[in-house]
């Protein structure tokens, strides 16, 4: 991933922390997920996912109704869960987002995980974020190429 450092996006996620609905219950901090419409225990990766959801909605106007979080996929006979997906107008998977916690480095292993999920989903866009650094790329399945982008694509 080092060779793509010029394409690292620094998203203003800290500006969105106040938009998260937080509550404390059973001695744990919970965050409201607007996609699943319920409170979830705040784990480091969940914090990044919720901030990305808010970012996509507030900065890029991706509607919550066109997003889904933590859905199951079967890969090589094993059940896996993708972090976040955005659908196009035809309800086809359009952008796959793989979230890591703030402490996790974005490396080839994380990129391969996202690529493995996308092998089934066929999203033309892929995003990888740890809340500090983010990468977005366009996948051209026909020509078998990946192009790193300097910004998120516009959802039509």
N, C-alpha and C. Protein backbone atom coordinates (compact mmCIF):
# COMPACT_ATOMS: atom_id res chain seq x y z
N UNK A 1 0.82 -1.19 0.00
CA UNK A 1 0.00 0.00 0.00
C UNK A 1 0.87 1.26 0.00
N UNK A 2 2.14 1.12 0.34
CA UNK A 2 3.03 2.29 0.43
C UNK A 2 3.14 3.05 -0.88
N UNK A 3 3.14 2.35 -2.01
CA UNK A 3 3.31 3.02 -3.29
C UNK A 3 2.12 3.90 -3.64
N UNK A 4 1.03 3.80 -2.88
CA UNK A 4 -0.16 4.60 -3.15
C UNK A 4 -0.36 5.70 -2.12
N UNK A 5 0.71 6.07 -1.41
CA UNK A 5 0.58 7.07 -0.36
C UNK A 5 0.08 8.41 -0.87
N UNK A 6 0.35 8.72 -2.14
CA UNK A 6 -0.13 9.99 -2.70
C UNK A 6 -1.66 10.00 -2.84
N UNK A 7 -2.30 8.85 -2.71
CA UNK A 7 -3.75 8.75 -2.84
C UNK A 7 -4.45 8.61 -1.48
N UNK A 8 -3.72 8.79 -0.39
CA UNK A 8 -4.31 8.67 0.94
C UNK A 8 -5.27 9.83 1.16
N UNK A 9 -6.49 9.50 1.54
CA UNK A 9 -7.48 10.52 1.87
C UNK A 9 -7.47 10.73 3.38
N UNK A 10 -7.47 11.97 3.79
CA UNK A 10 -7.58 12.32 5.21
C UNK A 10 -8.98 12.88 5.41
N UNK A 11 -9.89 12.03 5.85
CA UNK A 11 -11.28 12.43 6.00
C UNK A 11 -11.48 13.19 7.32
N UNK A 12 -12.35 14.17 7.33
CA UNK A 12 -12.57 14.97 8.54
C UNK A 12 -13.52 14.28 9.54
N UNK A 13 -13.20 13.05 9.90
CA UNK A 13 -14.10 12.27 10.74
C UNK A 13 -14.25 12.85 12.15
N UNK A 14 -13.19 13.49 12.66
CA UNK A 14 -13.28 14.06 14.01
C UNK A 14 -14.39 15.11 14.08
N UNK A 15 -14.69 15.76 12.97
CA UNK A 15 -15.76 16.77 12.91
C UNK A 15 -17.14 16.13 13.08
N UNK A 16 -17.23 14.84 12.91
CA UNK A 16 -18.51 14.15 12.93
C UNK A 16 -18.81 13.44 14.24
N UNK A 17 -17.85 13.43 15.15
CA UNK A 17 -18.06 12.70 16.41
C UNK A 17 -19.29 13.20 17.16
N UNK A 18 -19.54 14.50 17.10
CA UNK A 18 -20.70 15.06 17.81
C UNK A 18 -22.02 14.64 17.17
N UNK A 19 -21.99 14.16 15.93
CA UNK A 19 -23.24 13.73 15.28
C UNK A 19 -23.61 12.29 15.64
N UNK A 20 -22.73 11.59 16.33
CA UNK A 20 -23.05 10.21 16.75
C UNK A 20 -23.96 10.25 17.98
N UNK A 21 -24.95 9.38 17.99
CA UNK A 21 -25.83 9.24 19.16
C UNK A 21 -25.21 8.20 20.07
N UNK A 22 -24.77 8.65 21.25
CA UNK A 22 -24.06 7.79 22.19
C UNK A 22 -24.89 7.67 23.47
N UNK A 23 -24.90 6.47 24.04
CA UNK A 23 -25.52 6.29 25.36
C UNK A 23 -24.72 5.25 26.13
N UNK A 24 -24.91 5.26 27.43
CA UNK A 24 -24.24 4.28 28.27
C UNK A 24 -25.29 3.34 28.85
N UNK A 25 -25.04 2.05 28.78
CA UNK A 25 -25.96 1.04 29.32
C UNK A 25 -25.14 -0.18 29.72
N UNK A 26 -25.49 -0.76 30.82
CA UNK A 26 -24.81 -1.97 31.32
C UNK A 26 -23.31 -1.76 31.43
N UNK A 27 -22.91 -0.55 31.81
CA UNK A 27 -21.48 -0.25 31.99
C UNK A 27 -20.70 -0.17 30.69
N UNK A 28 -21.40 -0.13 29.55
CA UNK A 28 -20.74 -0.05 28.24
C UNK A 28 -21.26 1.15 27.47
N UNK A 29 -20.43 1.66 26.58
CA UNK A 29 -20.84 2.75 25.71
C UNK A 29 -21.44 2.15 24.45
N UNK A 30 -22.58 2.69 24.04
CA UNK A 30 -23.28 2.23 22.84
C UNK A 30 -23.42 3.39 21.86
N UNK A 31 -23.43 3.06 20.57
CA UNK A 31 -23.62 4.06 19.52
C UNK A 31 -24.80 3.63 18.67
N UNK A 32 -25.60 4.61 18.26
CA UNK A 32 -26.76 4.31 17.43
C UNK A 32 -26.32 4.16 15.98
N UNK A 33 -26.73 3.06 15.36
CA UNK A 33 -26.44 2.81 13.94
C UNK A 33 -27.70 3.19 13.15
N UNK A 34 -27.63 4.26 12.33
CA UNK A 34 -28.81 4.68 11.57
C UNK A 34 -29.20 3.69 10.47
N UNK A 35 -28.32 2.79 10.11
CA UNK A 35 -28.65 1.80 9.07
C UNK A 35 -29.42 0.62 9.66
N UNK A 36 -28.96 0.13 10.79
CA UNK A 36 -29.62 -1.01 11.44
C UNK A 36 -30.68 -0.55 12.42
N UNK A 37 -30.74 0.78 12.66
CA UNK A 37 -31.72 1.41 13.54
C UNK A 37 -31.72 0.80 14.95
N UNK A 38 -30.51 0.65 15.49
CA UNK A 38 -30.39 0.15 16.87
C UNK A 38 -29.05 0.59 17.44
N UNK A 39 -28.96 0.52 18.76
CA UNK A 39 -27.71 0.84 19.45
C UNK A 39 -26.81 -0.39 19.46
N UNK A 40 -25.53 -0.16 19.24
CA UNK A 40 -24.52 -1.22 19.22
C UNK A 40 -23.43 -0.89 20.23
N UNK A 41 -22.82 -1.91 20.80
CA UNK A 41 -21.70 -1.67 21.70
C UNK A 41 -20.57 -1.01 20.90
N UNK A 42 -20.04 0.05 21.48
CA UNK A 42 -19.00 0.83 20.80
C UNK A 42 -17.66 0.09 20.89
N UNK A 43 -17.28 -0.53 19.79
CA UNK A 43 -15.97 -1.15 19.63
C UNK A 43 -15.16 -0.19 18.77
N UNK A 44 -13.82 -0.27 18.81
CA UNK A 44 -13.02 0.66 17.98
C UNK A 44 -13.39 0.62 16.50
N UNK A 45 -13.59 -0.56 15.94
CA UNK A 45 -13.95 -0.65 14.52
C UNK A 45 -15.36 -0.09 14.27
N UNK A 46 -16.25 -0.30 15.24
CA UNK A 46 -17.62 0.23 15.10
C UNK A 46 -17.61 1.75 15.08
N UNK A 47 -16.74 2.35 15.88
CA UNK A 47 -16.62 3.81 15.90
C UNK A 47 -16.22 4.31 14.51
N UNK A 48 -15.25 3.66 13.89
CA UNK A 48 -14.81 4.06 12.54
C UNK A 48 -15.96 3.87 11.55
N UNK A 49 -16.65 2.73 11.62
CA UNK A 49 -17.76 2.47 10.70
C UNK A 49 -18.84 3.55 10.83
N UNK A 50 -19.20 3.90 12.07
CA UNK A 50 -20.26 4.89 12.27
C UNK A 50 -19.82 6.28 11.79
N UNK A 51 -18.56 6.62 11.99
CA UNK A 51 -18.06 7.90 11.49
C UNK A 51 -18.04 7.93 9.96
N UNK A 52 -17.68 6.81 9.33
CA UNK A 52 -17.68 6.73 7.87
C UNK A 52 -19.12 6.85 7.34
N UNK A 53 -20.07 6.20 8.00
CA UNK A 53 -21.48 6.29 7.59
C UNK A 53 -21.92 7.76 7.63
N UNK A 54 -21.59 8.45 8.71
CA UNK A 54 -21.96 9.87 8.83
C UNK A 54 -21.25 10.70 7.77
N UNK A 55 -19.98 10.41 7.52
CA UNK A 55 -19.21 11.14 6.51
C UNK A 55 -19.83 10.97 5.12
N UNK A 56 -20.12 9.74 4.74
CA UNK A 56 -20.70 9.48 3.42
C UNK A 56 -22.04 10.21 3.27
N UNK A 57 -22.82 10.24 4.34
CA UNK A 57 -24.12 10.88 4.29
C UNK A 57 -24.01 12.41 4.28
N UNK A 58 -23.24 12.97 5.19
CA UNK A 58 -23.20 14.43 5.35
C UNK A 58 -22.32 15.14 4.32
N UNK A 59 -21.19 14.55 3.95
CA UNK A 59 -20.26 15.20 3.03
C UNK A 59 -20.50 14.83 1.57
N UNK A 60 -21.03 13.63 1.33
CA UNK A 60 -21.20 13.16 -0.05
C UNK A 60 -22.66 12.87 -0.39
N UNK A 61 -23.54 13.06 0.56
CA UNK A 61 -24.99 12.92 0.34
C UNK A 61 -25.40 11.52 -0.11
N UNK A 62 -24.68 10.50 0.36
CA UNK A 62 -25.10 9.13 0.12
C UNK A 62 -26.24 8.86 1.12
N UNK A 63 -27.44 8.56 0.66
CA UNK A 63 -28.56 8.34 1.59
C UNK A 63 -28.36 7.08 2.44
N UNK A 64 -28.80 7.16 3.69
CA UNK A 64 -28.74 5.98 4.57
C UNK A 64 -29.49 4.81 3.95
N UNK A 65 -30.57 5.12 3.20
CA UNK A 65 -31.39 4.06 2.58
C UNK A 65 -30.65 3.29 1.50
N UNK A 66 -29.50 3.80 1.05
CA UNK A 66 -28.72 3.11 0.03
C UNK A 66 -27.46 2.49 0.63
N UNK A 67 -27.43 2.36 1.96
CA UNK A 67 -26.29 1.75 2.64
C UNK A 67 -26.74 0.55 3.45
N UNK A 68 -25.82 -0.38 3.65
CA UNK A 68 -26.06 -1.54 4.52
C UNK A 68 -24.77 -1.84 5.27
N UNK A 69 -24.92 -2.25 6.52
CA UNK A 69 -23.75 -2.56 7.36
C UNK A 69 -23.80 -3.99 7.86
N UNK A 70 -22.61 -4.59 7.93
CA UNK A 70 -22.44 -5.90 8.57
C UNK A 70 -23.40 -6.97 8.05
N UNK A 71 -23.37 -7.19 6.77
CA UNK A 71 -24.18 -8.26 6.20
C UNK A 71 -23.29 -9.47 5.94
N UNK A 72 -23.89 -10.64 6.03
CA UNK A 72 -23.14 -11.88 5.87
C UNK A 72 -22.88 -12.21 4.40
N UNK A 73 -21.71 -12.81 4.17
CA UNK A 73 -21.31 -13.32 2.85
C UNK A 73 -20.70 -14.69 3.07
N UNK A 74 -20.88 -15.58 2.13
CA UNK A 74 -20.20 -16.88 2.22
C UNK A 74 -19.03 -16.88 1.26
N UNK A 75 -17.83 -17.04 1.81
CA UNK A 75 -16.61 -17.05 1.01
C UNK A 75 -15.86 -18.34 1.30
N UNK A 76 -15.68 -19.13 0.25
CA UNK A 76 -15.00 -20.43 0.38
C UNK A 76 -15.60 -21.27 1.51
N UNK A 77 -16.92 -21.28 1.59
CA UNK A 77 -17.60 -22.09 2.58
C UNK A 77 -17.65 -21.49 3.98
N UNK A 78 -17.05 -20.33 4.18
CA UNK A 78 -17.03 -19.70 5.50
C UNK A 78 -17.89 -18.44 5.48
N UNK A 79 -18.60 -18.21 6.57
CA UNK A 79 -19.42 -17.01 6.68
C UNK A 79 -18.54 -15.84 7.12
N UNK A 80 -18.60 -14.78 6.36
CA UNK A 80 -17.86 -13.54 6.65
C UNK A 80 -18.88 -12.41 6.68
N UNK A 81 -18.47 -11.25 7.21
CA UNK A 81 -19.35 -10.08 7.24
C UNK A 81 -18.62 -8.88 6.68
N UNK A 82 -19.19 -8.23 5.68
CA UNK A 82 -18.58 -7.00 5.19
C UNK A 82 -18.97 -5.86 6.12
N UNK A 83 -18.19 -4.80 6.14
CA UNK A 83 -18.43 -3.69 7.05
C UNK A 83 -19.54 -2.77 6.57
N UNK A 84 -19.43 -2.32 5.33
CA UNK A 84 -20.38 -1.33 4.83
C UNK A 84 -20.44 -1.41 3.31
N UNK A 85 -21.64 -1.25 2.79
CA UNK A 85 -21.80 -1.23 1.34
C UNK A 85 -22.76 -0.11 0.98
N UNK A 86 -22.52 0.50 -0.17
CA UNK A 86 -23.41 1.51 -0.72
C UNK A 86 -23.94 0.95 -2.03
N UNK A 87 -25.24 1.12 -2.26
CA UNK A 87 -25.89 0.60 -3.46
C UNK A 87 -26.17 1.72 -4.46
N UNK A 88 -26.14 1.39 -5.74
CA UNK A 88 -26.49 2.37 -6.78
C UNK A 88 -28.02 2.45 -6.91
N UNK A 89 -28.49 3.22 -7.90
CA UNK A 89 -29.94 3.42 -8.10
C UNK A 89 -30.68 2.12 -8.38
N UNK A 90 -29.99 1.17 -8.99
CA UNK A 90 -30.61 -0.12 -9.31
C UNK A 90 -30.47 -1.13 -8.17
N UNK A 91 -30.03 -0.65 -7.01
CA UNK A 91 -29.83 -1.47 -5.82
C UNK A 91 -28.73 -2.52 -6.00
N UNK A 92 -27.79 -2.23 -6.89
CA UNK A 92 -26.63 -3.11 -7.07
C UNK A 92 -25.50 -2.60 -6.17
N UNK A 93 -24.69 -3.51 -5.62
CA UNK A 93 -23.54 -3.08 -4.82
C UNK A 93 -22.64 -2.16 -5.64
N UNK A 94 -22.31 -1.00 -5.08
CA UNK A 94 -21.58 0.04 -5.82
C UNK A 94 -20.25 0.40 -5.15
N UNK A 95 -20.27 0.56 -3.82
CA UNK A 95 -19.07 0.90 -3.06
C UNK A 95 -18.99 -0.01 -1.85
N UNK A 96 -17.90 -0.75 -1.74
CA UNK A 96 -17.64 -1.60 -0.58
C UNK A 96 -16.64 -0.88 0.31
N UNK A 97 -16.98 -0.75 1.59
CA UNK A 97 -16.10 -0.08 2.55
C UNK A 97 -15.65 -1.09 3.59
N UNK A 98 -14.35 -1.23 3.73
CA UNK A 98 -13.75 -2.09 4.76
C UNK A 98 -13.18 -1.17 5.83
N UNK A 99 -13.68 -1.31 7.06
CA UNK A 99 -13.24 -0.46 8.16
C UNK A 99 -12.32 -1.23 9.11
N UNK A 100 -11.31 -0.54 9.56
CA UNK A 100 -10.40 -1.05 10.57
C UNK A 100 -10.39 -0.05 11.72
N UNK A 101 -9.98 -0.49 12.90
CA UNK A 101 -9.92 0.44 14.02
C UNK A 101 -8.77 1.42 13.83
N UNK A 102 -8.79 2.51 14.58
CA UNK A 102 -7.78 3.56 14.46
C UNK A 102 -6.35 3.02 14.60
N UNK A 103 -6.18 1.98 15.40
CA UNK A 103 -4.83 1.46 15.68
C UNK A 103 -4.30 0.54 14.58
N UNK A 104 -5.16 0.06 13.71
CA UNK A 104 -4.77 -0.92 12.69
C UNK A 104 -4.22 -0.20 11.46
N UNK A 105 -3.04 -0.61 11.04
CA UNK A 105 -2.43 -0.06 9.83
C UNK A 105 -3.16 -0.61 8.60
N UNK A 106 -3.35 0.25 7.63
CA UNK A 106 -3.91 -0.22 6.36
C UNK A 106 -2.77 -0.84 5.57
N UNK A 107 -2.86 -2.14 5.37
CA UNK A 107 -1.78 -2.85 4.69
C UNK A 107 -2.35 -3.79 3.63
N UNK A 108 -1.49 -4.55 3.04
CA UNK A 108 -1.92 -5.47 1.98
C UNK A 108 -2.92 -6.50 2.49
N UNK A 109 -2.77 -6.94 3.74
CA UNK A 109 -3.70 -7.93 4.30
C UNK A 109 -5.11 -7.36 4.35
N UNK A 110 -5.26 -6.11 4.80
CA UNK A 110 -6.58 -5.46 4.85
C UNK A 110 -7.14 -5.28 3.44
N UNK A 111 -6.27 -4.89 2.50
CA UNK A 111 -6.70 -4.70 1.11
C UNK A 111 -7.14 -6.03 0.50
N UNK A 112 -6.43 -7.10 0.79
CA UNK A 112 -6.80 -8.42 0.26
C UNK A 112 -8.14 -8.89 0.83
N UNK A 113 -8.39 -8.58 2.10
CA UNK A 113 -9.68 -8.93 2.70
C UNK A 113 -10.82 -8.24 1.95
N UNK A 114 -10.66 -6.95 1.70
CA UNK A 114 -11.68 -6.20 0.97
C UNK A 114 -11.84 -6.75 -0.44
N UNK A 115 -10.74 -7.06 -1.09
CA UNK A 115 -10.78 -7.59 -2.46
C UNK A 115 -11.48 -8.96 -2.49
N UNK A 116 -11.24 -9.77 -1.46
CA UNK A 116 -11.88 -11.08 -1.37
C UNK A 116 -13.40 -10.92 -1.27
N UNK A 117 -13.86 -9.99 -0.43
CA UNK A 117 -15.30 -9.73 -0.30
C UNK A 117 -15.84 -9.21 -1.65
N UNK A 118 -15.08 -8.34 -2.28
CA UNK A 118 -15.55 -7.74 -3.51
C UNK A 118 -15.57 -8.72 -4.67
N UNK A 119 -14.85 -9.80 -4.56
CA UNK A 119 -14.88 -10.83 -5.59
C UNK A 119 -16.31 -11.35 -5.77
N UNK A 120 -17.06 -11.39 -4.67
CA UNK A 120 -18.46 -11.83 -4.74
C UNK A 120 -19.42 -10.68 -5.03
N UNK A 121 -19.11 -9.48 -4.52
CA UNK A 121 -20.02 -8.35 -4.63
C UNK A 121 -19.90 -7.58 -5.95
N UNK A 122 -18.70 -7.58 -6.53
CA UNK A 122 -18.43 -6.87 -7.80
C UNK A 122 -18.74 -5.37 -7.74
N UNK A 123 -18.36 -4.72 -6.65
CA UNK A 123 -18.54 -3.27 -6.54
C UNK A 123 -17.50 -2.59 -7.42
N UNK A 124 -17.89 -1.59 -8.19
CA UNK A 124 -16.91 -0.87 -9.00
C UNK A 124 -15.99 0.04 -8.17
N UNK A 125 -16.39 0.30 -6.90
CA UNK A 125 -15.55 1.12 -6.02
C UNK A 125 -15.30 0.40 -4.71
N UNK A 126 -14.12 0.62 -4.19
CA UNK A 126 -13.68 -0.03 -2.96
C UNK A 126 -13.02 1.03 -2.09
N UNK A 127 -13.36 1.03 -0.80
CA UNK A 127 -12.76 1.97 0.15
C UNK A 127 -12.23 1.20 1.34
N UNK A 128 -11.08 1.59 1.81
CA UNK A 128 -10.44 0.99 2.97
C UNK A 128 -10.10 2.14 3.91
N UNK A 129 -10.54 2.05 5.18
CA UNK A 129 -10.29 3.15 6.11
C UNK A 129 -10.04 2.65 7.53
N UNK A 130 -9.12 3.32 8.21
CA UNK A 130 -8.93 3.09 9.65
C UNK A 130 -9.32 4.35 10.43
N UNK A 131 -10.04 5.24 9.77
CA UNK A 131 -10.49 6.47 10.42
C UNK A 131 -9.46 7.58 10.39
N UNK A 132 -8.22 7.23 10.10
CA UNK A 132 -7.14 8.22 10.00
C UNK A 132 -6.75 8.36 8.53
N UNK A 133 -6.43 7.22 7.93
CA UNK A 133 -6.11 7.17 6.51
C UNK A 133 -7.20 6.37 5.79
N UNK A 134 -7.48 6.78 4.57
CA UNK A 134 -8.45 6.05 3.75
C UNK A 134 -7.93 5.97 2.32
N UNK A 135 -8.24 4.88 1.67
CA UNK A 135 -7.93 4.69 0.26
C UNK A 135 -9.23 4.39 -0.47
N UNK A 136 -9.39 4.93 -1.65
CA UNK A 136 -10.54 4.63 -2.49
C UNK A 136 -10.01 4.25 -3.86
N UNK A 137 -10.55 3.20 -4.43
CA UNK A 137 -10.12 2.82 -5.77
C UNK A 137 -11.30 2.40 -6.63
N UNK A 138 -11.09 2.53 -7.92
CA UNK A 138 -12.06 2.13 -8.93
C UNK A 138 -11.59 0.80 -9.48
N UNK A 139 -12.49 -0.16 -9.52
CA UNK A 139 -12.16 -1.49 -10.02
C UNK A 139 -12.78 -1.62 -11.42
N UNK A 140 -11.95 -1.89 -12.39
CA UNK A 140 -12.42 -2.14 -13.75
C UNK A 140 -12.31 -3.65 -13.97
N UNK A 141 -13.42 -4.33 -13.82
CA UNK A 141 -13.42 -5.80 -13.90
C UNK A 141 -13.11 -6.28 -15.31
N UNK A 142 -13.59 -5.56 -16.30
CA UNK A 142 -13.38 -5.97 -17.69
C UNK A 142 -11.90 -5.95 -18.06
N UNK A 143 -11.20 -4.87 -17.68
CA UNK A 143 -9.78 -4.74 -18.01
C UNK A 143 -8.85 -5.22 -16.89
N UNK A 144 -9.47 -5.66 -15.80
CA UNK A 144 -8.71 -6.18 -14.65
C UNK A 144 -7.69 -5.17 -14.12
N UNK A 145 -8.17 -3.93 -13.93
CA UNK A 145 -7.30 -2.88 -13.40
C UNK A 145 -7.92 -2.24 -12.17
N UNK A 146 -7.06 -1.68 -11.34
CA UNK A 146 -7.46 -0.94 -10.15
C UNK A 146 -6.80 0.42 -10.21
N UNK A 147 -7.61 1.47 -10.06
CA UNK A 147 -7.09 2.83 -10.09
C UNK A 147 -7.39 3.50 -8.76
N UNK A 148 -6.34 3.99 -8.08
CA UNK A 148 -6.54 4.69 -6.82
C UNK A 148 -7.01 6.10 -7.10
N UNK A 149 -8.02 6.54 -6.34
CA UNK A 149 -8.64 7.85 -6.55
C UNK A 149 -8.24 8.82 -5.44
N UNK A 150 -8.31 10.11 -5.76
CA UNK A 150 -8.01 11.14 -4.77
C UNK A 150 -9.25 11.64 -4.04
N UNK A 151 -10.42 11.11 -4.40
CA UNK A 151 -11.66 11.49 -3.74
C UNK A 151 -12.70 10.39 -3.94
N UNK A 152 -13.75 10.48 -3.17
CA UNK A 152 -14.84 9.52 -3.31
C UNK A 152 -15.65 9.84 -4.57
N UNK A 153 -16.17 8.81 -5.22
CA UNK A 153 -16.99 9.04 -6.41
C UNK A 153 -18.36 9.62 -6.04
N UNK A 154 -18.99 10.28 -6.98
CA UNK A 154 -20.32 10.84 -6.79
C UNK A 154 -21.34 9.74 -7.01
N UNK A 155 -22.22 9.57 -6.04
CA UNK A 155 -23.27 8.57 -6.14
C UNK A 155 -24.40 9.12 -7.02
N UNK A 156 -24.75 8.37 -8.04
CA UNK A 156 -25.81 8.83 -8.95
C UNK A 156 -27.15 8.21 -8.59
